[in-house]
Amino acid sequence: MLKVVAVSVAVVLMIGSSAFGDVLGAIGQMQNTNVGLANTVQLLQGHQAADAIQNLAVCNDQSSTRACGAMAGQTFLANLAEIGHASGDCAIVGVLQGLTAVGMQAQAIGDCCDPKSQGQSLALAAEQSLLKSEGPGAGSALHQIVLREDQGAQNPAGGMQESSAILGLQSSNLTGSACATGAVQSEMAVTTVQTQSTL
């Protein structure tokens, strides 16, 4: 679903930019970013503990200028953390985590007083699953999410700007004594879409 949203925005931008005629490509910029993280921790019997930690930062930056006063720039920033922990004493404990972020940006800026168009989409899907059965045990999962997209453009006819940001925290915990069975399921999904043009 997330990839379909990103592609559909790109199609809308390309269709909308056909009105640019000869000025299409005076400045043309596009960025696509796909980020995915996954953790799996599985304990089967015995006395044991395990941790899985991932921290990822991604930054994409584009800028361009033209002799006739047209300027365009766009930036994508992601800072994602995923932490999973499980411990048990003759317990079956499972910790599953998944995190996906998708960003798309596109700009077509004409020279002088020609048309301008820009669009962006930002999407996030995060999931956590904790399971415990049999002996005493515990599991925990944490997602920390910072996503941001910025676009700015101008030519002598004026300027335009768009920004999208997603900040998220997802935390799950499960603790149980012997013979206790438990499960925790947590899901989060966000999609933002923006487009604008001057003709």
N, C-alpha and C. Protein backbone atom coordinates (compact mmCIF):
# COMPACT_ATOMS: atom_id res chain seq x y z
N MET A 1 0.82 -1.20 0.00
CA MET A 1 0.00 0.00 0.00
C MET A 1 0.86 1.25 0.00
N LEU A 2 1.94 1.26 0.76
CA LEU A 2 2.77 2.45 0.85
C LEU A 2 3.44 2.75 -0.48
N LYS A 3 3.94 1.73 -1.18
CA LYS A 3 4.60 1.95 -2.45
C LYS A 3 3.61 2.45 -3.50
N VAL A 4 2.36 1.98 -3.47
CA VAL A 4 1.35 2.43 -4.40
C VAL A 4 1.10 3.92 -4.23
N VAL A 5 1.03 4.40 -2.99
CA VAL A 5 0.82 5.81 -2.72
C VAL A 5 1.96 6.63 -3.32
N ALA A 6 3.21 6.21 -3.10
CA ALA A 6 4.36 6.96 -3.61
C ALA A 6 4.35 7.02 -5.13
N VAL A 7 4.03 5.91 -5.79
CA VAL A 7 4.00 5.88 -7.24
C VAL A 7 2.88 6.75 -7.78
N SER A 8 1.70 6.73 -7.15
CA SER A 8 0.58 7.51 -7.65
C SER A 8 0.87 8.99 -7.58
N VAL A 9 1.59 9.45 -6.57
CA VAL A 9 1.95 10.85 -6.48
C VAL A 9 2.89 11.23 -7.61
N ALA A 10 3.85 10.35 -7.92
CA ALA A 10 4.78 10.62 -9.01
C ALA A 10 4.03 10.75 -10.33
N VAL A 11 3.02 9.91 -10.55
CA VAL A 11 2.23 9.96 -11.77
C VAL A 11 1.47 11.28 -11.84
N VAL A 12 0.85 11.70 -10.73
CA VAL A 12 0.12 12.97 -10.70
C VAL A 12 1.05 14.13 -11.04
N LEU A 13 2.26 14.12 -10.49
CA LEU A 13 3.21 15.20 -10.77
C LEU A 13 3.61 15.22 -12.24
N MET A 14 3.86 14.05 -12.83
CA MET A 14 4.28 14.02 -14.22
C MET A 14 3.14 14.44 -15.15
N ILE A 15 1.91 14.06 -14.84
CA ILE A 15 0.76 14.48 -15.65
C ILE A 15 0.58 15.98 -15.52
N GLY A 16 0.65 16.49 -14.28
CA GLY A 16 0.49 17.92 -14.05
C GLY A 16 1.57 18.73 -14.72
N SER A 17 2.78 18.19 -14.85
CA SER A 17 3.87 18.95 -15.41
C SER A 17 3.81 19.00 -16.94
N SER A 18 2.90 18.26 -17.57
CA SER A 18 2.79 18.32 -19.02
C SER A 18 2.34 19.69 -19.48
N ALA A 19 1.73 20.49 -18.60
CA ALA A 19 1.32 21.84 -18.94
C ALA A 19 2.53 22.76 -19.10
N PHE A 20 3.73 22.29 -18.73
CA PHE A 20 4.92 23.11 -18.82
C PHE A 20 5.41 23.28 -20.25
N GLY A 21 5.00 22.40 -21.15
CA GLY A 21 5.41 22.51 -22.54
C GLY A 21 6.92 22.55 -22.69
N ASP A 22 7.41 23.64 -23.30
CA ASP A 22 8.84 23.76 -23.59
C ASP A 22 9.69 24.00 -22.34
N VAL A 23 9.09 24.48 -21.25
CA VAL A 23 9.91 24.79 -20.08
C VAL A 23 10.11 23.58 -19.17
N LEU A 24 9.48 22.46 -19.48
CA LEU A 24 9.67 21.27 -18.66
C LEU A 24 11.14 20.92 -18.60
N GLY A 25 11.67 20.82 -17.40
CA GLY A 25 13.06 20.47 -17.25
C GLY A 25 13.98 21.67 -17.09
N ALA A 26 13.44 22.90 -17.07
CA ALA A 26 14.29 24.04 -16.75
C ALA A 26 15.03 23.69 -15.46
N ILE A 27 14.30 23.27 -14.44
CA ILE A 27 14.87 22.54 -13.31
C ILE A 27 13.92 21.38 -13.02
N GLY A 28 14.42 20.19 -13.10
CA GLY A 28 13.63 19.01 -12.76
C GLY A 28 14.39 18.17 -11.75
N GLN A 29 13.77 17.89 -10.62
CA GLN A 29 14.42 17.10 -9.57
C GLN A 29 13.45 16.05 -9.05
N MET A 30 13.99 14.88 -8.69
CA MET A 30 13.17 13.84 -8.08
C MET A 30 14.01 13.02 -7.13
N GLN A 31 13.43 12.67 -5.98
CA GLN A 31 14.09 11.77 -5.03
C GLN A 31 13.08 10.71 -4.59
N ASN A 32 13.55 9.50 -4.49
CA ASN A 32 12.76 8.40 -3.92
C ASN A 32 13.62 7.72 -2.87
N THR A 33 13.07 7.53 -1.69
CA THR A 33 13.80 6.88 -0.61
C THR A 33 12.95 5.79 0.00
N ASN A 34 13.54 4.62 0.16
CA ASN A 34 12.89 3.47 0.79
C ASN A 34 13.79 2.98 1.93
N VAL A 35 13.29 2.96 3.14
CA VAL A 35 14.08 2.52 4.29
C VAL A 35 13.30 1.40 4.99
N GLY A 36 13.96 0.31 5.31
CA GLY A 36 13.30 -0.79 6.02
C GLY A 36 14.19 -1.35 7.11
N LEU A 37 13.61 -1.58 8.27
CA LEU A 37 14.31 -2.22 9.39
C LEU A 37 13.46 -3.40 9.88
N ALA A 38 14.12 -4.45 10.36
CA ALA A 38 13.40 -5.59 10.93
C ALA A 38 14.26 -6.25 12.00
N ASN A 39 13.65 -6.60 13.12
CA ASN A 39 14.30 -7.34 14.20
C ASN A 39 13.47 -8.58 14.53
N THR A 40 14.14 -9.67 14.79
CA THR A 40 13.48 -10.88 15.27
C THR A 40 14.32 -11.47 16.40
N VAL A 41 13.71 -11.67 17.56
CA VAL A 41 14.36 -12.33 18.69
C VAL A 41 13.46 -13.48 19.09
N GLN A 42 14.00 -14.70 19.15
CA GLN A 42 13.21 -15.89 19.48
C GLN A 42 13.96 -16.72 20.52
N LEU A 43 13.35 -16.92 21.69
CA LEU A 43 13.93 -17.76 22.73
C LEU A 43 13.09 -19.03 22.86
N LEU A 44 13.77 -20.17 22.87
CA LEU A 44 13.10 -21.46 23.00
C LEU A 44 13.72 -22.23 24.16
N GLN A 45 13.03 -22.27 25.29
CA GLN A 45 13.47 -23.03 26.47
C GLN A 45 14.79 -22.50 27.04
N GLY A 46 15.27 -23.13 28.10
CA GLY A 46 16.54 -22.74 28.71
C GLY A 46 16.50 -21.37 29.36
N HIS A 47 17.60 -21.03 30.04
CA HIS A 47 17.74 -19.73 30.67
C HIS A 47 18.57 -18.85 29.74
N GLN A 48 17.95 -17.79 29.18
CA GLN A 48 18.66 -17.00 28.18
C GLN A 48 18.07 -15.60 28.03
N ALA A 49 18.83 -14.74 27.36
CA ALA A 49 18.39 -13.38 27.07
C ALA A 49 19.03 -12.95 25.75
N ALA A 50 18.36 -12.04 25.03
CA ALA A 50 18.89 -11.57 23.75
C ALA A 50 18.40 -10.15 23.50
N ASP A 51 19.23 -9.39 22.80
CA ASP A 51 18.89 -8.02 22.41
C ASP A 51 19.18 -7.83 20.93
N ALA A 52 18.41 -6.96 20.28
CA ALA A 52 18.66 -6.56 18.90
C ALA A 52 18.45 -5.05 18.81
N ILE A 53 19.47 -4.34 18.36
CA ILE A 53 19.41 -2.87 18.30
C ILE A 53 19.85 -2.41 16.92
N GLN A 54 19.05 -1.51 16.32
CA GLN A 54 19.42 -0.88 15.06
C GLN A 54 19.15 0.61 15.15
N ASN A 55 20.07 1.40 14.64
CA ASN A 55 19.87 2.85 14.57
C ASN A 55 20.35 3.29 13.19
N LEU A 56 19.48 3.99 12.46
CA LEU A 56 19.78 4.32 11.08
C LEU A 56 19.45 5.78 10.81
N ALA A 57 20.38 6.50 10.18
CA ALA A 57 20.14 7.88 9.75
C ALA A 57 20.36 7.95 8.24
N VAL A 58 19.42 8.61 7.54
CA VAL A 58 19.49 8.77 6.09
C VAL A 58 19.22 10.23 5.77
N CYS A 59 20.04 10.82 4.91
CA CYS A 59 19.81 12.21 4.49
C CYS A 59 20.06 12.32 2.99
N ASN A 60 19.08 12.82 2.26
CA ASN A 60 19.21 13.10 0.83
C ASN A 60 18.98 14.59 0.62
N ASP A 61 19.82 15.24 -0.18
CA ASP A 61 19.71 16.68 -0.39
C ASP A 61 19.98 16.99 -1.86
N GLN A 62 19.11 17.80 -2.46
CA GLN A 62 19.30 18.22 -3.84
C GLN A 62 19.06 19.72 -3.94
N SER A 63 19.83 20.40 -4.77
CA SER A 63 19.56 21.82 -5.05
C SER A 63 20.07 22.16 -6.43
N SER A 64 19.44 23.16 -7.05
CA SER A 64 19.80 23.55 -8.41
C SER A 64 19.42 25.01 -8.64
N THR A 65 20.19 25.69 -9.46
CA THR A 65 19.87 27.07 -9.84
C THR A 65 20.01 27.20 -11.35
N ARG A 66 19.33 28.22 -11.90
CA ARG A 66 19.42 28.54 -13.32
C ARG A 66 19.81 30.00 -13.48
N ALA A 67 20.34 30.33 -14.64
CA ALA A 67 20.82 31.69 -14.89
C ALA A 67 19.71 32.73 -14.84
N CYS A 68 18.49 32.34 -15.14
CA CYS A 68 17.39 33.29 -15.19
C CYS A 68 16.66 33.44 -13.86
N GLY A 69 17.27 33.04 -12.75
CA GLY A 69 16.70 33.28 -11.43
C GLY A 69 15.88 32.14 -10.86
N ALA A 70 15.81 31.00 -11.55
CA ALA A 70 15.07 29.85 -11.00
C ALA A 70 15.97 29.08 -10.03
N MET A 71 15.39 28.70 -8.89
CA MET A 71 16.12 27.94 -7.88
C MET A 71 15.19 26.86 -7.33
N ALA A 72 15.77 25.70 -6.97
CA ALA A 72 14.97 24.63 -6.37
C ALA A 72 15.86 23.82 -5.45
N GLY A 73 15.27 23.33 -4.35
CA GLY A 73 15.98 22.48 -3.42
C GLY A 73 15.03 21.56 -2.69
N GLN A 74 15.49 20.38 -2.34
CA GLN A 74 14.67 19.45 -1.57
C GLN A 74 15.57 18.56 -0.72
N THR A 75 15.03 18.22 0.47
CA THR A 75 15.79 17.45 1.45
C THR A 75 14.90 16.39 2.08
N PHE A 76 15.46 15.20 2.28
CA PHE A 76 14.80 14.12 3.01
C PHE A 76 15.71 13.73 4.17
N LEU A 77 15.12 13.60 5.37
CA LEU A 77 15.89 13.21 6.55
C LEU A 77 15.12 12.13 7.31
N ALA A 78 15.80 11.05 7.66
CA ALA A 78 15.21 10.00 8.48
C ALA A 78 16.19 9.61 9.58
N ASN A 79 15.68 9.50 10.80
CA ASN A 79 16.46 8.98 11.93
C ASN A 79 15.58 7.95 12.62
N LEU A 80 15.95 6.67 12.50
CA LEU A 80 15.10 5.57 12.95
C LEU A 80 15.87 4.69 13.93
N ALA A 81 15.22 4.32 15.02
CA ALA A 81 15.81 3.41 15.99
C ALA A 81 14.84 2.26 16.25
N GLU A 82 15.38 1.05 16.33
CA GLU A 82 14.59 -0.15 16.58
C GLU A 82 15.34 -0.99 17.61
N ILE A 83 14.69 -1.26 18.75
CA ILE A 83 15.32 -2.00 19.85
C ILE A 83 14.38 -3.11 20.30
N GLY A 84 14.89 -4.34 20.36
CA GLY A 84 14.11 -5.47 20.84
C GLY A 84 14.87 -6.24 21.91
N HIS A 85 14.18 -6.73 22.93
CA HIS A 85 14.80 -7.49 24.01
C HIS A 85 13.89 -8.63 24.43
N ALA A 86 14.49 -9.77 24.75
CA ALA A 86 13.74 -10.91 25.27
C ALA A 86 14.59 -11.62 26.32
N SER A 87 13.93 -12.11 27.37
CA SER A 87 14.62 -12.91 28.38
C SER A 87 13.65 -13.96 28.90
N GLY A 88 14.18 -15.11 29.31
CA GLY A 88 13.30 -16.16 29.79
C GLY A 88 14.04 -17.26 30.51
N ASP A 89 13.30 -18.01 31.32
CA ASP A 89 13.82 -19.16 32.04
C ASP A 89 12.91 -20.33 31.71
N CYS A 90 13.31 -21.15 30.74
CA CYS A 90 12.48 -22.24 30.23
C CYS A 90 11.19 -21.72 29.60
N ALA A 91 11.25 -20.51 29.06
CA ALA A 91 10.08 -19.88 28.43
C ALA A 91 10.26 -19.84 26.92
N ILE A 92 9.14 -19.72 26.23
CA ILE A 92 9.15 -19.43 24.80
C ILE A 92 8.78 -17.95 24.67
N VAL A 93 9.71 -17.14 24.17
CA VAL A 93 9.50 -15.70 24.03
C VAL A 93 9.86 -15.30 22.60
N GLY A 94 8.97 -14.54 21.97
CA GLY A 94 9.24 -14.04 20.63
C GLY A 94 9.02 -12.54 20.56
N VAL A 95 9.95 -11.85 19.92
CA VAL A 95 9.85 -10.41 19.68
C VAL A 95 10.06 -10.18 18.19
N LEU A 96 9.06 -9.62 17.52
CA LEU A 96 9.14 -9.32 16.09
C LEU A 96 8.90 -7.83 15.88
N GLN A 97 9.75 -7.18 15.09
CA GLN A 97 9.61 -5.77 14.80
C GLN A 97 9.80 -5.52 13.31
N GLY A 98 9.03 -4.61 12.75
CA GLY A 98 9.20 -4.20 11.37
C GLY A 98 8.93 -2.71 11.24
N LEU A 99 9.73 -2.02 10.45
CA LEU A 99 9.60 -0.58 10.27
C LEU A 99 9.95 -0.24 8.83
N THR A 100 9.04 0.46 8.15
CA THR A 100 9.26 0.86 6.76
C THR A 100 8.93 2.34 6.61
N ALA A 101 9.82 3.07 5.95
CA ALA A 101 9.58 4.48 5.65
C ALA A 101 9.82 4.69 4.16
N VAL A 102 8.89 5.40 3.51
CA VAL A 102 8.99 5.67 2.07
C VAL A 102 8.79 7.17 1.85
N GLY A 103 9.72 7.79 1.14
CA GLY A 103 9.60 9.21 0.82
C GLY A 103 9.78 9.45 -0.66
N MET A 104 9.00 10.37 -1.24
CA MET A 104 9.10 10.73 -2.64
C MET A 104 8.94 12.23 -2.76
N GLN A 105 9.80 12.86 -3.56
CA GLN A 105 9.70 14.29 -3.83
C GLN A 105 9.99 14.54 -5.30
N ALA A 106 9.30 15.51 -5.88
CA ALA A 106 9.54 15.87 -7.28
C ALA A 106 9.28 17.36 -7.46
N GLN A 107 10.08 17.99 -8.31
CA GLN A 107 9.92 19.41 -8.62
C GLN A 107 10.17 19.64 -10.11
N ALA A 108 9.43 20.54 -10.70
CA ALA A 108 9.67 21.02 -12.07
C ALA A 108 9.49 22.53 -12.01
N ILE A 109 10.57 23.29 -12.17
CA ILE A 109 10.56 24.74 -12.00
C ILE A 109 10.97 25.39 -13.30
N GLY A 110 10.09 26.20 -13.85
CA GLY A 110 10.38 26.88 -15.11
C GLY A 110 11.18 28.15 -14.90
N ASP A 111 11.87 28.58 -15.95
CA ASP A 111 12.65 29.82 -15.91
C ASP A 111 11.74 31.05 -15.90
N CYS A 112 12.34 32.19 -15.56
CA CYS A 112 11.67 33.49 -15.60
C CYS A 112 10.30 33.42 -14.94
N CYS A 113 9.23 33.70 -15.67
CA CYS A 113 7.88 33.68 -15.10
C CYS A 113 7.12 32.41 -15.47
N ASP A 114 7.84 31.38 -15.85
CA ASP A 114 7.21 30.13 -16.27
C ASP A 114 6.65 29.37 -15.06
N PRO A 115 5.82 28.33 -15.31
CA PRO A 115 5.15 27.60 -14.22
C PRO A 115 6.11 26.87 -13.30
N LYS A 116 5.61 26.59 -12.10
CA LYS A 116 6.33 25.81 -11.08
C LYS A 116 5.40 24.73 -10.57
N SER A 117 5.97 23.57 -10.21
CA SER A 117 5.19 22.48 -9.64
C SER A 117 6.06 21.68 -8.70
N GLN A 118 5.50 21.28 -7.58
CA GLN A 118 6.23 20.38 -6.67
C GLN A 118 5.24 19.50 -5.92
N GLY A 119 5.72 18.36 -5.50
CA GLY A 119 4.88 17.44 -4.74
C GLY A 119 5.74 16.53 -3.90
N GLN A 120 5.16 16.03 -2.84
CA GLN A 120 5.89 15.12 -1.96
C GLN A 120 4.93 14.18 -1.27
N SER A 121 5.43 13.01 -0.94
CA SER A 121 4.67 12.07 -0.12
C SER A 121 5.63 11.46 0.89
N LEU A 122 5.10 11.15 2.05
CA LEU A 122 5.89 10.56 3.13
C LEU A 122 5.00 9.51 3.79
N ALA A 123 5.51 8.30 3.94
CA ALA A 123 4.69 7.22 4.49
C ALA A 123 5.52 6.39 5.47
N LEU A 124 4.83 5.92 6.49
CA LEU A 124 5.46 5.14 7.55
C LEU A 124 4.56 3.98 7.94
N ALA A 125 5.14 2.81 8.15
CA ALA A 125 4.43 1.66 8.71
C ALA A 125 5.34 1.00 9.74
N ALA A 126 4.83 0.83 10.96
CA ALA A 126 5.61 0.21 12.03
C ALA A 126 4.76 -0.85 12.72
N GLU A 127 5.39 -1.96 13.08
CA GLU A 127 4.67 -3.07 13.71
C GLU A 127 5.55 -3.73 14.75
N GLN A 128 4.93 -4.11 15.86
CA GLN A 128 5.62 -4.84 16.93
C GLN A 128 4.73 -5.98 17.40
N SER A 129 5.35 -7.12 17.66
CA SER A 129 4.63 -8.30 18.13
C SER A 129 5.43 -8.97 19.23
N LEU A 130 4.82 -9.20 20.40
CA LEU A 130 5.46 -9.88 21.52
C LEU A 130 4.62 -11.10 21.89
N LEU A 131 5.28 -12.22 22.12
CA LEU A 131 4.60 -13.46 22.52
C LEU A 131 5.39 -14.12 23.64
N LYS A 132 4.67 -14.68 24.64
CA LYS A 132 5.32 -15.41 25.71
C LYS A 132 4.45 -16.56 26.15
N SER A 133 5.06 -17.72 26.39
CA SER A 133 4.33 -18.86 26.92
C SER A 133 5.28 -19.73 27.75
N GLU A 134 4.70 -20.67 28.46
CA GLU A 134 5.41 -21.62 29.33
C GLU A 134 6.10 -20.93 30.50
N GLY A 135 7.43 -21.02 30.63
CA GLY A 135 8.13 -20.51 31.81
C GLY A 135 8.08 -19.00 31.97
N PRO A 136 8.67 -18.47 33.07
CA PRO A 136 8.71 -17.03 33.28
C PRO A 136 9.59 -16.35 32.22
N GLY A 137 9.13 -15.20 31.74
CA GLY A 137 9.90 -14.50 30.71
C GLY A 137 9.35 -13.12 30.45
N ALA A 138 10.07 -12.36 29.64
CA ALA A 138 9.68 -10.99 29.33
C ALA A 138 10.18 -10.62 27.94
N GLY A 139 9.49 -9.69 27.32
CA GLY A 139 9.91 -9.16 26.02
C GLY A 139 9.55 -7.69 25.93
N SER A 140 10.34 -6.94 25.19
CA SER A 140 10.05 -5.52 24.98
C SER A 140 10.50 -5.11 23.59
N ALA A 141 9.84 -4.09 23.07
CA ALA A 141 10.16 -3.58 21.73
C ALA A 141 9.97 -2.07 21.73
N LEU A 142 10.84 -1.37 21.01
CA LEU A 142 10.78 0.08 20.95
C LEU A 142 11.13 0.56 19.54
N HIS A 143 10.31 1.47 19.01
CA HIS A 143 10.61 2.18 17.77
C HIS A 143 10.65 3.67 18.08
N GLN A 144 11.67 4.34 17.60
CA GLN A 144 11.73 5.79 17.67
C GLN A 144 11.91 6.30 16.25
N ILE A 145 11.03 7.23 15.81
CA ILE A 145 10.92 7.59 14.41
C ILE A 145 10.96 9.11 14.24
N VAL A 146 11.86 9.58 13.39
CA VAL A 146 11.88 10.98 12.97
C VAL A 146 12.02 11.00 11.45
N LEU A 147 11.02 11.53 10.75
CA LEU A 147 11.04 11.64 9.29
C LEU A 147 10.70 13.08 8.91
N ARG A 148 11.41 13.62 7.93
CA ARG A 148 11.10 14.98 7.50
C ARG A 148 11.47 15.16 6.03
N GLU A 149 10.59 15.86 5.30
CA GLU A 149 10.85 16.24 3.92
C GLU A 149 10.61 17.74 3.79
N ASP A 150 11.48 18.41 3.05
CA ASP A 150 11.33 19.85 2.79
C ASP A 150 11.59 20.12 1.32
N GLN A 151 10.79 21.01 0.75
CA GLN A 151 10.99 21.44 -0.62
C GLN A 151 10.84 22.96 -0.68
N GLY A 152 11.66 23.59 -1.48
CA GLY A 152 11.53 25.02 -1.71
C GLY A 152 11.94 25.34 -3.13
N ALA A 153 11.26 26.29 -3.75
CA ALA A 153 11.57 26.66 -5.13
C ALA A 153 11.13 28.09 -5.38
N GLN A 154 11.80 28.73 -6.31
CA GLN A 154 11.37 30.08 -6.71
C GLN A 154 11.91 30.40 -8.09
N ASN A 155 11.20 31.28 -8.75
CA ASN A 155 11.68 31.93 -9.96
C ASN A 155 11.19 33.38 -9.87
N PRO A 156 11.49 34.22 -10.83
CA PRO A 156 11.09 35.62 -10.70
C PRO A 156 9.58 35.83 -10.51
N ALA A 157 8.75 34.83 -10.82
CA ALA A 157 7.31 34.97 -10.63
C ALA A 157 6.86 34.68 -9.20
N GLY A 158 7.75 34.17 -8.35
CA GLY A 158 7.36 33.87 -6.97
C GLY A 158 8.00 32.60 -6.46
N GLY A 159 7.61 32.22 -5.25
CA GLY A 159 8.19 31.04 -4.62
C GLY A 159 7.14 30.08 -4.09
N MET A 160 7.57 28.90 -3.74
CA MET A 160 6.69 27.90 -3.12
C MET A 160 7.51 27.02 -2.20
N GLN A 161 6.84 26.49 -1.18
CA GLN A 161 7.53 25.65 -0.20
C GLN A 161 6.56 24.62 0.36
N GLU A 162 7.08 23.42 0.65
CA GLU A 162 6.30 22.35 1.30
C GLU A 162 7.18 21.65 2.32
N SER A 163 6.56 21.24 3.42
CA SER A 163 7.26 20.46 4.45
C SER A 163 6.32 19.40 5.00
N SER A 164 6.87 18.23 5.28
CA SER A 164 6.14 17.16 5.96
C SER A 164 7.04 16.58 7.03
N ALA A 165 6.47 16.26 8.17
CA ALA A 165 7.26 15.66 9.25
C ALA A 165 6.42 14.61 9.97
N ILE A 166 7.04 13.51 10.35
CA ILE A 166 6.42 12.46 11.16
C ILE A 166 7.35 12.15 12.32
N LEU A 167 6.86 12.30 13.52
CA LEU A 167 7.60 11.94 14.73
C LEU A 167 6.80 10.86 15.43
N GLY A 168 7.42 9.74 15.75
CA GLY A 168 6.67 8.64 16.36
C GLY A 168 7.48 7.90 17.40
N LEU A 169 6.77 7.36 18.37
CA LEU A 169 7.36 6.49 19.40
C LEU A 169 6.40 5.33 19.61
N GLN A 170 6.89 4.12 19.47
CA GLN A 170 6.08 2.91 19.64
C GLN A 170 6.80 2.00 20.62
N SER A 171 6.14 1.67 21.71
CA SER A 171 6.76 0.86 22.76
C SER A 171 5.81 -0.24 23.20
N SER A 172 6.33 -1.47 23.33
CA SER A 172 5.54 -2.61 23.78
C SER A 172 6.33 -3.38 24.83
N ASN A 173 5.64 -3.84 25.87
CA ASN A 173 6.27 -4.63 26.93
C ASN A 173 5.36 -5.79 27.32
N LEU A 174 5.96 -6.93 27.64
CA LEU A 174 5.22 -8.10 28.07
C LEU A 174 6.06 -8.85 29.10
N THR A 175 5.47 -9.12 30.26
CA THR A 175 6.13 -9.88 31.32
C THR A 175 5.15 -10.90 31.87
N GLY A 176 5.62 -12.12 32.14
CA GLY A 176 4.73 -13.13 32.68
C GLY A 176 5.46 -14.17 33.50
N SER A 177 4.76 -14.72 34.47
CA SER A 177 5.34 -15.78 35.31
C SER A 177 5.15 -17.13 34.64
N ALA A 178 5.63 -18.17 35.30
CA ALA A 178 5.52 -19.52 34.75
C ALA A 178 4.06 -19.87 34.47
N CYS A 179 3.84 -20.57 33.38
CA CYS A 179 2.52 -21.04 32.92
C CYS A 179 1.64 -19.91 32.39
N ALA A 180 2.12 -18.67 32.39
CA ALA A 180 1.34 -17.56 31.83
C ALA A 180 1.59 -17.47 30.33
N THR A 181 0.53 -17.17 29.60
CA THR A 181 0.63 -16.98 28.15
C THR A 181 0.13 -15.59 27.82
N GLY A 182 0.89 -14.85 27.03
CA GLY A 182 0.48 -13.49 26.70
C GLY A 182 0.96 -13.08 25.32
N ALA A 183 0.32 -12.04 24.78
CA ALA A 183 0.69 -11.52 23.46
C ALA A 183 0.40 -10.03 23.42
N VAL A 184 1.24 -9.28 22.73
CA VAL A 184 1.04 -7.85 22.50
C VAL A 184 1.24 -7.60 21.02
N GLN A 185 0.32 -6.87 20.41
CA GLN A 185 0.42 -6.51 18.99
C GLN A 185 0.22 -5.00 18.87
N SER A 186 1.14 -4.33 18.20
CA SER A 186 1.07 -2.88 18.04
C SER A 186 1.38 -2.51 16.60
N GLU A 187 0.54 -1.66 16.00
CA GLU A 187 0.74 -1.24 14.62
C GLU A 187 0.54 0.27 14.50
N MET A 188 1.29 0.88 13.59
CA MET A 188 1.19 2.32 13.35
C MET A 188 1.39 2.55 11.86
N ALA A 189 0.55 3.40 11.25
CA ALA A 189 0.69 3.71 9.83
C ALA A 189 0.32 5.18 9.60
N VAL A 190 1.13 5.87 8.81
CA VAL A 190 0.91 7.28 8.50
C VAL A 190 1.25 7.51 7.03
N THR A 191 0.45 8.31 6.33
CA THR A 191 0.75 8.71 4.96
C THR A 191 0.41 10.19 4.79
N THR A 192 1.32 10.96 4.25
CA THR A 192 1.05 12.36 3.92
C THR A 192 1.32 12.55 2.43
N VAL A 193 0.50 13.37 1.77
CA VAL A 193 0.68 13.68 0.34
C VAL A 193 0.42 15.16 0.15
N GLN A 194 1.32 15.85 -0.54
CA GLN A 194 1.13 17.26 -0.85
C GLN A 194 1.54 17.51 -2.30
N THR A 195 0.77 18.33 -3.01
CA THR A 195 1.16 18.78 -4.34
C THR A 195 0.75 20.24 -4.48
N GLN A 196 1.52 20.99 -5.24
CA GLN A 196 1.11 22.35 -5.56
C GLN A 196 1.75 22.77 -6.88
N SER A 197 1.08 23.67 -7.59
CA SER A 197 1.62 24.15 -8.86
C SER A 197 1.11 25.55 -9.14
N THR A 198 1.88 26.29 -9.89
CA THR A 198 1.45 27.59 -10.41
C THR A 198 1.60 27.54 -11.92
N LEU A 199 0.54 27.90 -12.61
CA LEU A 199 0.56 27.81 -14.09
C LEU A 199 0.45 29.18 -14.70
